[in-house]
Amino acid sequence: HWETPGGSTDPTDPTLLSALVREVFEETGLTVTKVVDLVAVDEWTRSRGERVVREMKWSFLVEVDVLNRDGVGRWEEGVVLAPEEHCAWRWVGEEEARGDGEGERHRLRFIGDQGRNLLRAFEVYKGLGGGV
């Protein structure tokens, strides 16, 4: 199953956006250069013993540095996964994220609301005048 980079805030993160930049770098090796827009906010509650905890996940559309560490535009070589969290990566377009044209056998399966939020990110991007 697939997911986009993400995680939790650490006590050392001064802001939510600082946590976003840190998590993207830790999980992919890519450097966020711009937070473009908020894509979605998911909320849920979960029981922890006798307590009920409210949790939230914020999903953002970001731009990343496309130059790898030697300054050449081969950004794919700059992707470095955190092996304890991910075993593969894939850069997908909107059609592939929707599962169009590939048949059920090749349809991407996402964790939780990740697929919905990814498709929402494409809509936000197009609404800002971006082409996909």
C-alpha atoms as a PDB file:
ATOM      1  CA  HIS A   1       0.000   0.000   0.000  1.00  0.00           C
ATOM      2  CA  TRP A   2       1.117   3.559  -0.767  1.00  0.00           C
ATOM      3  CA  GLU A   3       1.205   6.763   1.246  1.00  0.00           C
ATOM      4  CA  THR A   4       2.594  10.254   0.927  1.00  0.00           C
ATOM      5  CA  PRO A   5       5.407  11.456   3.217  1.00  0.00           C
ATOM      6  CA  GLY A   6       4.230  12.506   6.654  1.00  0.00           C
ATOM      7  CA  GLY A   7       4.488  12.052  10.361  1.00  0.00           C
ATOM      8  CA  SER A   8       4.075  13.716  13.714  1.00  0.00           C
ATOM      9  CA  THR A   9       5.378  16.896  15.200  1.00  0.00           C
ATOM     10  CA  ASP A  10       8.358  16.539  17.514  1.00  0.00           C
ATOM     11  CA  PRO A  11       8.789  18.602  20.690  1.00  0.00           C
ATOM     12  CA  THR A  12      11.706  20.339  18.936  1.00  0.00           C
ATOM     13  CA  ASP A  13       9.557  21.491  15.975  1.00  0.00           C
ATOM     14  CA  PRO A  14       8.747  25.184  16.491  1.00  0.00           C
ATOM     15  CA  THR A  15       5.774  25.053  14.078  1.00  0.00           C
ATOM     16  CA  LEU A  16       3.606  22.618  12.145  1.00  0.00           C
ATOM     17  CA  LEU A  17       5.318  23.708   8.919  1.00  0.00           C
ATOM     18  CA  SER A  18       8.740  23.040  10.444  1.00  0.00           C
ATOM     19  CA  ALA A  19       7.556  19.501  11.168  1.00  0.00           C
ATOM     20  CA  LEU A  20       6.345  19.189   7.568  1.00  0.00           C
ATOM     21  CA  VAL A  21       9.734  20.195   6.146  1.00  0.00           C
ATOM     22  CA  ARG A  22      11.578  17.879   8.555  1.00  0.00           C
ATOM     23  CA  GLU A  23       9.332  14.867   7.858  1.00  0.00           C
ATOM     24  CA  VAL A  24       9.590  15.218   4.063  1.00  0.00           C
ATOM     25  CA  PHE A  25      13.376  15.383   4.308  1.00  0.00           C
ATOM     26  CA  GLU A  26      13.635  12.487   6.798  1.00  0.00           C
ATOM     27  CA  GLU A  27      11.404  10.211   4.731  1.00  0.00           C
ATOM     28  CA  THR A  28      12.556  11.135   1.209  1.00  0.00           C
ATOM     29  CA  GLY A  29      15.753  13.173   1.305  1.00  0.00           C
ATOM     30  CA  LEU A  30      13.924  15.946  -0.604  1.00  0.00           C
ATOM     31  CA  THR A  31      14.032  19.555   0.588  1.00  0.00           C
ATOM     32  CA  VAL A  32      10.748  21.486   0.704  1.00  0.00           C
ATOM     33  CA  THR A  33      11.291  24.896  -0.903  1.00  0.00           C
ATOM     34  CA  LYS A  34       7.721  26.184  -0.690  1.00  0.00           C
ATOM     35  CA  VAL A  35       4.496  25.254   1.067  1.00  0.00           C
ATOM     36  CA  VAL A  36       1.972  25.939  -1.692  1.00  0.00           C
ATOM     37  CA  ASP A  37      -1.396  25.275  -0.041  1.00  0.00           C
ATOM     38  CA  LEU A  38      -3.329  23.271   2.504  1.00  0.00           C
ATOM     39  CA  VAL A  39      -4.961  20.259   0.837  1.00  0.00           C
ATOM     40  CA  ALA A  40      -6.923  18.556   3.624  1.00  0.00           C
ATOM     41  CA  VAL A  41      -7.372  18.276   7.367  1.00  0.00           C
ATOM     42  CA  ASP A  42      -8.442  14.860   8.626  1.00  0.00           C
ATOM     43  CA  GLU A  43      -9.679  14.437  12.205  1.00  0.00           C
ATOM     44  CA  TRP A  44     -10.470  11.344  14.223  1.00  0.00           C
ATOM     45  CA  THR A  45     -10.672  10.128  17.793  1.00  0.00           C
ATOM     46  CA  ARG A  46      -9.100   7.063  19.280  1.00  0.00           C
ATOM     47  CA  SER A  47      -9.317   5.412  22.668  1.00  0.00           C
ATOM     48  CA  ARG A  48      -6.180   5.138  24.761  1.00  0.00           C
ATOM     49  CA  GLY A  49      -7.126   3.265  27.868  1.00  0.00           C
ATOM     50  CA  GLU A  50      -9.726   5.358  29.670  1.00  0.00           C
ATOM     51  CA  ARG A  51      -8.963   8.452  27.589  1.00  0.00           C
ATOM     52  CA  VAL A  52     -10.311   9.497  24.221  1.00  0.00           C
ATOM     53  CA  VAL A  53      -7.689  11.306  22.151  1.00  0.00           C
ATOM     54  CA  ARG A  54      -8.518  13.610  19.251  1.00  0.00           C
ATOM     55  CA  GLU A  55      -5.950  13.448  16.457  1.00  0.00           C
ATOM     56  CA  MET A  56      -5.532  15.537  13.314  1.00  0.00           C
ATOM     57  CA  LYS A  57      -3.581  15.153  10.111  1.00  0.00           C
ATOM     58  CA  TRP A  58      -2.801  18.152   7.921  1.00  0.00           C
ATOM     59  CA  SER A  59      -1.963  17.485   4.251  1.00  0.00           C
ATOM     60  CA  PHE A  60      -0.124  20.118   2.226  1.00  0.00           C
ATOM     61  CA  LEU A  61       0.856  20.676  -1.388  1.00  0.00           C
ATOM     62  CA  VAL A  62       4.560  21.558  -1.469  1.00  0.00           C
ATOM     63  CA  GLU A  63       7.335  22.279  -3.927  1.00  0.00           C
ATOM     64  CA  VAL A  64      10.644  20.481  -3.493  1.00  0.00           C
ATOM     65  CA  ASP A  65      14.173  21.186  -4.694  1.00  0.00           C
ATOM     66  CA  VAL A  66      14.642  19.262  -7.949  1.00  0.00           C
ATOM     67  CA  LEU A  67      18.428  19.418  -7.892  1.00  0.00           C
ATOM     68  CA  ASN A  68      20.175  16.514  -6.269  1.00  0.00           C
ATOM     69  CA  ARG A  69      23.005  17.054  -3.857  1.00  0.00           C
ATOM     70  CA  ASP A  70      25.632  17.528  -6.594  1.00  0.00           C
ATOM     71  CA  GLY A  71      23.603  20.375  -8.142  1.00  0.00           C
ATOM     72  CA  VAL A  72      22.447  18.458 -11.214  1.00  0.00           C
ATOM     73  CA  GLY A  73      18.754  18.227 -12.113  1.00  0.00           C
ATOM     74  CA  ARG A  74      18.511  14.461 -11.628  1.00  0.00           C
ATOM     75  CA  TRP A  75      16.213  14.774  -8.619  1.00  0.00           C
ATOM     76  CA  GLU A  76      15.318  11.074  -8.680  1.00  0.00           C
ATOM     77  CA  GLU A  77      18.859  10.297  -7.525  1.00  0.00           C
ATOM     78  CA  GLY A  78      18.303  12.582  -4.533  1.00  0.00           C
ATOM     79  CA  VAL A  79      15.402  10.525  -3.177  1.00  0.00           C
ATOM     80  CA  VAL A  80      16.634   8.647  -0.128  1.00  0.00           C
ATOM     81  CA  LEU A  81      14.000   6.651   1.740  1.00  0.00           C
ATOM     82  CA  ALA A  82      14.017   6.010   5.462  1.00  0.00           C
ATOM     83  CA  PRO A  83      14.231   2.180   5.285  1.00  0.00           C
ATOM     84  CA  GLU A  84      12.491   1.704   8.632  1.00  0.00           C
ATOM     85  CA  GLU A  85       9.425   3.490   7.207  1.00  0.00           C
ATOM     86  CA  HIS A  86       9.343   2.824   3.442  1.00  0.00           C
ATOM     87  CA  CYS A  87      10.597   0.201   1.002  1.00  0.00           C
ATOM     88  CA  ALA A  88       9.798   1.884  -2.340  1.00  0.00           C
ATOM     89  CA  TRP A  89       8.840   5.218  -3.850  1.00  0.00           C
ATOM     90  CA  ARG A  90       6.934   6.282  -6.907  1.00  0.00           C
ATOM     91  CA  TRP A  91       6.151   9.628  -8.546  1.00  0.00           C
ATOM     92  CA  VAL A  92       2.620   9.355  -9.961  1.00  0.00           C
ATOM     93  CA  GLY A  93       0.451  11.573 -12.092  1.00  0.00           C
ATOM     94  CA  GLU A  94      -3.239  12.185 -11.560  1.00  0.00           C
ATOM     95  CA  GLU A  95      -4.338   9.505 -14.029  1.00  0.00           C
ATOM     96  CA  GLU A  96      -2.284   6.819 -12.299  1.00  0.00           C
ATOM     97  CA  ALA A  97      -3.433   7.974  -8.851  1.00  0.00           C
ATOM     98  CA  ARG A  98      -7.049   7.631 -10.013  1.00  0.00           C
ATOM     99  CA  GLY A  99      -6.310   4.188 -11.418  1.00  0.00           C
ATOM    100  CA  ASP A 100      -7.428   5.151 -14.940  1.00  0.00           C
ATOM    101  CA  GLY A 101      -6.443   2.899 -17.821  1.00  0.00           C
ATOM    102  CA  GLU A 102      -4.367   0.333 -15.948  1.00  0.00           C
ATOM    103  CA  GLY A 103      -6.973  -2.188 -14.869  1.00  0.00           C
ATOM    104  CA  GLU A 104      -7.674  -3.425 -11.353  1.00  0.00           C
ATOM    105  CA  ARG A 105      -4.471  -5.479 -11.156  1.00  0.00           C
ATOM    106  CA  HIS A 106      -2.302  -2.362 -11.428  1.00  0.00           C
ATOM    107  CA  ARG A 107      -4.466   0.044  -9.405  1.00  0.00           C
ATOM    108  CA  LEU A 108      -2.548   1.752  -6.621  1.00  0.00           C
ATOM    109  CA  ARG A 109      -3.823   1.005  -3.151  1.00  0.00           C
ATOM    110  CA  PHE A 110      -3.416   3.774  -0.607  1.00  0.00           C
ATOM    111  CA  ILE A 111      -3.380   3.767   3.178  1.00  0.00           C
ATOM    112  CA  GLY A 112      -6.438   5.426   4.733  1.00  0.00           C
ATOM    113  CA  ASP A 113      -7.372   8.737   3.119  1.00  0.00           C
ATOM    114  CA  GLN A 114      -4.024   9.096   1.328  1.00  0.00           C
ATOM    115  CA  GLY A 115      -5.479   8.440  -2.133  1.00  0.00           C
ATOM    116  CA  ARG A 116      -8.329  10.895  -1.651  1.00  0.00           C
ATOM    117  CA  ASN A 117      -5.932  13.548  -0.357  1.00  0.00           C
ATOM    118  CA  LEU A 118      -3.523  12.979  -3.253  1.00  0.00           C
ATOM    119  CA  LEU A 119      -6.348  13.505  -5.758  1.00  0.00           C
ATOM    120  CA  ARG A 120      -7.412  16.614  -3.832  1.00  0.00           C
ATOM    121  CA  ALA A 121      -3.820  17.901  -4.159  1.00  0.00           C
ATOM    122  CA  PHE A 122      -4.062  17.587  -7.951  1.00  0.00           C
ATOM    123  CA  GLU A 123      -7.308  19.614  -7.861  1.00  0.00           C
ATOM    124  CA  VAL A 124      -5.724  22.310  -5.667  1.00  0.00           C
ATOM    125  CA  TYR A 125      -2.697  22.472  -7.977  1.00  0.00           C
ATOM    126  CA  LYS A 126      -4.861  22.852 -11.089  1.00  0.00           C
ATOM    127  CA  GLY A 127      -6.973  25.492  -9.319  1.00  0.00           C
ATOM    128  CA  LEU A 128      -3.818  27.526  -8.724  1.00  0.00           C
ATOM    129  CA  GLY A 129      -3.099  27.514 -12.460  1.00  0.00           C
ATOM    130  CA  GLY A 130      -0.709  24.560 -12.476  1.00  0.00           C
ATOM    131  CA  GLY A 131      -0.767  22.021 -15.276  1.00  0.00           C
ATOM    132  CA  VAL A 132      -0.497  18.349 -14.520  1.00  0.00           C
END
